[in-house]
Amino acid sequence: MVRDLRLDVTLRRPEFNGLVARRSYGGSPPRVEYELTALGRTLLEPIDAFGAWAFAHGDEVLAAQDDYTRDS
């Protein structure tokens, strides 16, 4: 139950910004579904590109973090 509330709170901002749509269903227990809107789907390509970049440069990022930690 706490996790459900946390998810709901986490998705309020993207819902406010028009990135996700929330659909509530009555019943016991209540059920809620979220889906990307057309605007939200426009983020899939840049997010995928960021993931590819992170995969390609992950070792360099970790090395930079190690250098920073060692020098601090």
N, C-alpha and C. Protein backbone atom coordinates (compact mmCIF):
# COMPACT_ATOMS: atom_id res chain seq x y z
N MET A 1 0.81 -1.18 0.00
CA MET A 1 0.00 0.00 0.00
C MET A 1 0.87 1.27 0.00
N VAL A 2 1.92 1.28 0.81
CA VAL A 2 2.80 2.44 0.85
C VAL A 2 3.47 2.62 -0.51
N ARG A 3 3.88 1.53 -1.13
CA ARG A 3 4.51 1.63 -2.45
C ARG A 3 3.55 2.22 -3.47
N ASP A 4 2.28 1.83 -3.39
CA ASP A 4 1.28 2.37 -4.31
C ASP A 4 1.14 3.87 -4.15
N LEU A 5 1.14 4.34 -2.91
CA LEU A 5 1.04 5.77 -2.64
C LEU A 5 2.27 6.48 -3.17
N ARG A 6 3.43 5.90 -2.98
CA ARG A 6 4.67 6.51 -3.46
C ARG A 6 4.65 6.63 -4.98
N LEU A 7 4.18 5.59 -5.68
CA LEU A 7 4.08 5.64 -7.13
C LEU A 7 3.13 6.76 -7.55
N ASP A 8 2.01 6.86 -6.86
CA ASP A 8 1.02 7.89 -7.18
C ASP A 8 1.63 9.29 -7.02
N VAL A 9 2.34 9.51 -5.93
CA VAL A 9 2.98 10.81 -5.69
C VAL A 9 4.05 11.08 -6.74
N THR A 10 4.83 10.07 -7.10
CA THR A 10 5.91 10.20 -8.06
C THR A 10 5.37 10.57 -9.45
N LEU A 11 4.21 10.05 -9.80
CA LEU A 11 3.67 10.29 -11.14
C LEU A 11 2.78 11.52 -11.24
N ARG A 12 2.57 12.23 -10.15
CA ARG A 12 1.73 13.43 -10.20
C ARG A 12 2.34 14.52 -11.09
N ARG A 13 3.63 14.77 -10.98
CA ARG A 13 4.27 15.81 -11.78
C ARG A 13 4.20 15.48 -13.28
N PRO A 14 4.58 14.28 -13.70
CA PRO A 14 4.43 13.97 -15.14
C PRO A 14 2.97 14.04 -15.61
N GLU A 15 2.04 13.70 -14.74
CA GLU A 15 0.63 13.83 -15.10
C GLU A 15 0.28 15.32 -15.26
N PHE A 16 0.70 16.14 -14.34
CA PHE A 16 0.48 17.59 -14.38
C PHE A 16 1.05 18.18 -15.67
N ASN A 17 2.22 17.67 -16.09
CA ASN A 17 2.90 18.18 -17.29
C ASN A 17 2.39 17.55 -18.58
N GLY A 18 1.40 16.68 -18.49
CA GLY A 18 0.81 16.09 -19.69
C GLY A 18 1.60 14.94 -20.28
N LEU A 19 2.50 14.34 -19.49
CA LEU A 19 3.33 13.26 -20.00
C LEU A 19 2.72 11.88 -19.78
N VAL A 20 1.92 11.74 -18.73
CA VAL A 20 1.24 10.47 -18.45
C VAL A 20 -0.23 10.74 -18.19
N ALA A 21 -1.03 9.75 -18.52
CA ALA A 21 -2.46 9.82 -18.23
C ALA A 21 -2.77 8.78 -17.17
N ARG A 22 -3.61 9.16 -16.23
CA ARG A 22 -3.98 8.28 -15.12
C ARG A 22 -5.43 7.88 -15.29
N ARG A 23 -5.69 6.59 -15.19
CA ARG A 23 -7.06 6.08 -15.29
C ARG A 23 -7.36 5.31 -14.02
N SER A 24 -8.42 5.74 -13.33
CA SER A 24 -8.83 5.11 -12.07
C SER A 24 -10.02 4.20 -12.31
N TYR A 25 -10.00 3.06 -11.68
CA TYR A 25 -11.11 2.12 -11.74
C TYR A 25 -11.60 1.88 -10.32
N GLY A 26 -12.88 1.87 -10.14
CA GLY A 26 -13.44 1.59 -8.83
C GLY A 26 -13.22 0.13 -8.46
N GLY A 27 -13.80 -0.27 -7.40
CA GLY A 27 -13.69 -1.65 -6.98
C GLY A 27 -12.91 -1.77 -5.71
N SER A 28 -12.78 -2.98 -5.29
CA SER A 28 -12.06 -3.25 -4.07
C SER A 28 -11.10 -4.41 -4.32
N PRO A 29 -9.83 -4.20 -4.28
CA PRO A 29 -9.17 -2.92 -4.06
C PRO A 29 -9.25 -2.05 -5.31
N PRO A 30 -9.14 -0.72 -5.15
CA PRO A 30 -9.17 0.16 -6.31
C PRO A 30 -7.96 -0.10 -7.21
N ARG A 31 -8.14 0.15 -8.47
CA ARG A 31 -7.07 -0.10 -9.45
C ARG A 31 -6.82 1.18 -10.23
N VAL A 32 -5.56 1.46 -10.49
CA VAL A 32 -5.16 2.65 -11.25
C VAL A 32 -4.18 2.22 -12.32
N GLU A 33 -4.34 2.76 -13.52
CA GLU A 33 -3.41 2.49 -14.61
C GLU A 33 -2.84 3.82 -15.10
N TYR A 34 -1.58 3.78 -15.50
CA TYR A 34 -0.91 4.94 -16.07
C TYR A 34 -0.42 4.57 -17.46
N GLU A 35 -0.46 5.54 -18.37
CA GLU A 35 0.12 5.33 -19.69
C GLU A 35 0.70 6.64 -20.20
N LEU A 36 1.69 6.51 -21.07
CA LEU A 36 2.27 7.70 -21.68
C LEU A 36 1.25 8.35 -22.61
N THR A 37 1.22 9.67 -22.61
CA THR A 37 0.41 10.40 -23.56
C THR A 37 1.22 10.56 -24.85
N ALA A 38 0.62 11.15 -25.86
CA ALA A 38 1.36 11.42 -27.11
C ALA A 38 2.58 12.29 -26.81
N LEU A 39 2.40 13.30 -25.95
CA LEU A 39 3.53 14.15 -25.57
C LEU A 39 4.59 13.34 -24.84
N GLY A 40 4.19 12.48 -23.93
CA GLY A 40 5.13 11.64 -23.21
C GLY A 40 5.91 10.71 -24.13
N ARG A 41 5.23 10.20 -25.15
CA ARG A 41 5.91 9.29 -26.10
C ARG A 41 7.00 10.00 -26.89
N THR A 42 6.91 11.35 -27.01
CA THR A 42 7.97 12.07 -27.72
C THR A 42 9.30 12.02 -26.95
N LEU A 43 9.25 11.65 -25.68
CA LEU A 43 10.47 11.54 -24.87
C LEU A 43 11.19 10.20 -25.04
N LEU A 44 10.54 9.22 -25.66
CA LEU A 44 11.15 7.89 -25.76
C LEU A 44 12.46 7.90 -26.53
N GLU A 45 12.53 8.61 -27.63
CA GLU A 45 13.76 8.64 -28.42
C GLU A 45 14.91 9.30 -27.67
N PRO A 46 14.71 10.50 -27.07
CA PRO A 46 15.83 11.09 -26.31
C PRO A 46 16.24 10.26 -25.10
N ILE A 47 15.28 9.63 -24.43
CA ILE A 47 15.62 8.78 -23.28
C ILE A 47 16.42 7.56 -23.74
N ASP A 48 16.02 6.99 -24.87
CA ASP A 48 16.76 5.85 -25.42
C ASP A 48 18.18 6.28 -25.80
N ALA A 49 18.31 7.46 -26.39
CA ALA A 49 19.65 7.97 -26.76
C ALA A 49 20.51 8.17 -25.52
N PHE A 50 19.91 8.70 -24.46
CA PHE A 50 20.66 8.89 -23.21
C PHE A 50 21.10 7.54 -22.64
N GLY A 51 20.23 6.55 -22.70
CA GLY A 51 20.59 5.21 -22.22
C GLY A 51 21.74 4.62 -23.02
N ALA A 52 21.71 4.81 -24.34
CA ALA A 52 22.79 4.30 -25.19
C ALA A 52 24.10 5.02 -24.86
N TRP A 53 24.02 6.34 -24.63
CA TRP A 53 25.21 7.09 -24.25
C TRP A 53 25.77 6.56 -22.94
N ALA A 54 24.89 6.37 -21.94
CA ALA A 54 25.33 5.89 -20.63
C ALA A 54 25.98 4.51 -20.74
N PHE A 55 25.40 3.65 -21.57
CA PHE A 55 25.98 2.31 -21.76
C PHE A 55 27.36 2.42 -22.40
N ALA A 56 27.49 3.30 -23.39
CA ALA A 56 28.76 3.44 -24.10
C ALA A 56 29.85 4.10 -23.24
N HIS A 57 29.45 4.98 -22.32
CA HIS A 57 30.43 5.75 -21.56
C HIS A 57 30.42 5.45 -20.06
N GLY A 58 29.75 4.39 -19.67
CA GLY A 58 29.63 4.06 -18.25
C GLY A 58 30.97 3.88 -17.56
N ASP A 59 31.90 3.21 -18.21
CA ASP A 59 33.22 2.99 -17.60
C ASP A 59 33.96 4.32 -17.37
N GLU A 60 33.81 5.23 -18.32
CA GLU A 60 34.47 6.55 -18.19
C GLU A 60 33.85 7.34 -17.03
N VAL A 61 32.54 7.26 -16.89
CA VAL A 61 31.86 7.97 -15.81
C VAL A 61 32.31 7.40 -14.46
N LEU A 62 32.36 6.07 -14.36
CA LEU A 62 32.80 5.45 -13.11
C LEU A 62 34.24 5.83 -12.78
N ALA A 63 35.10 5.89 -13.80
CA ALA A 63 36.49 6.28 -13.58
C ALA A 63 36.57 7.73 -13.10
N ALA A 64 35.76 8.60 -13.68
CA ALA A 64 35.74 10.00 -13.25
C ALA A 64 35.25 10.11 -11.80
N GLN A 65 34.27 9.31 -11.43
CA GLN A 65 33.79 9.31 -10.05
C GLN A 65 34.88 8.84 -9.09
N ASP A 66 35.59 7.78 -9.50
CA ASP A 66 36.69 7.29 -8.67
C ASP A 66 37.77 8.37 -8.51
N ASP A 67 38.12 9.05 -9.61
CA ASP A 67 39.12 10.12 -9.55
C ASP A 67 38.67 11.23 -8.61
N TYR A 68 37.43 11.61 -8.71
CA TYR A 68 36.89 12.69 -7.87
C TYR A 68 36.95 12.30 -6.40
N THR A 69 36.52 11.07 -6.11
CA THR A 69 36.51 10.59 -4.73
C THR A 69 37.93 10.51 -4.17
N ARG A 70 38.85 10.04 -4.98
CA ARG A 70 40.23 9.90 -4.54
C ARG A 70 40.87 11.26 -4.30
N ASP A 71 40.52 12.26 -5.13
CA ASP A 71 41.13 13.59 -5.03
C ASP A 71 40.45 14.49 -4.00
N SER A 72 39.32 14.07 -3.49
CA SER A 72 38.59 14.92 -2.51
C SER A 72 39.09 14.72 -1.11
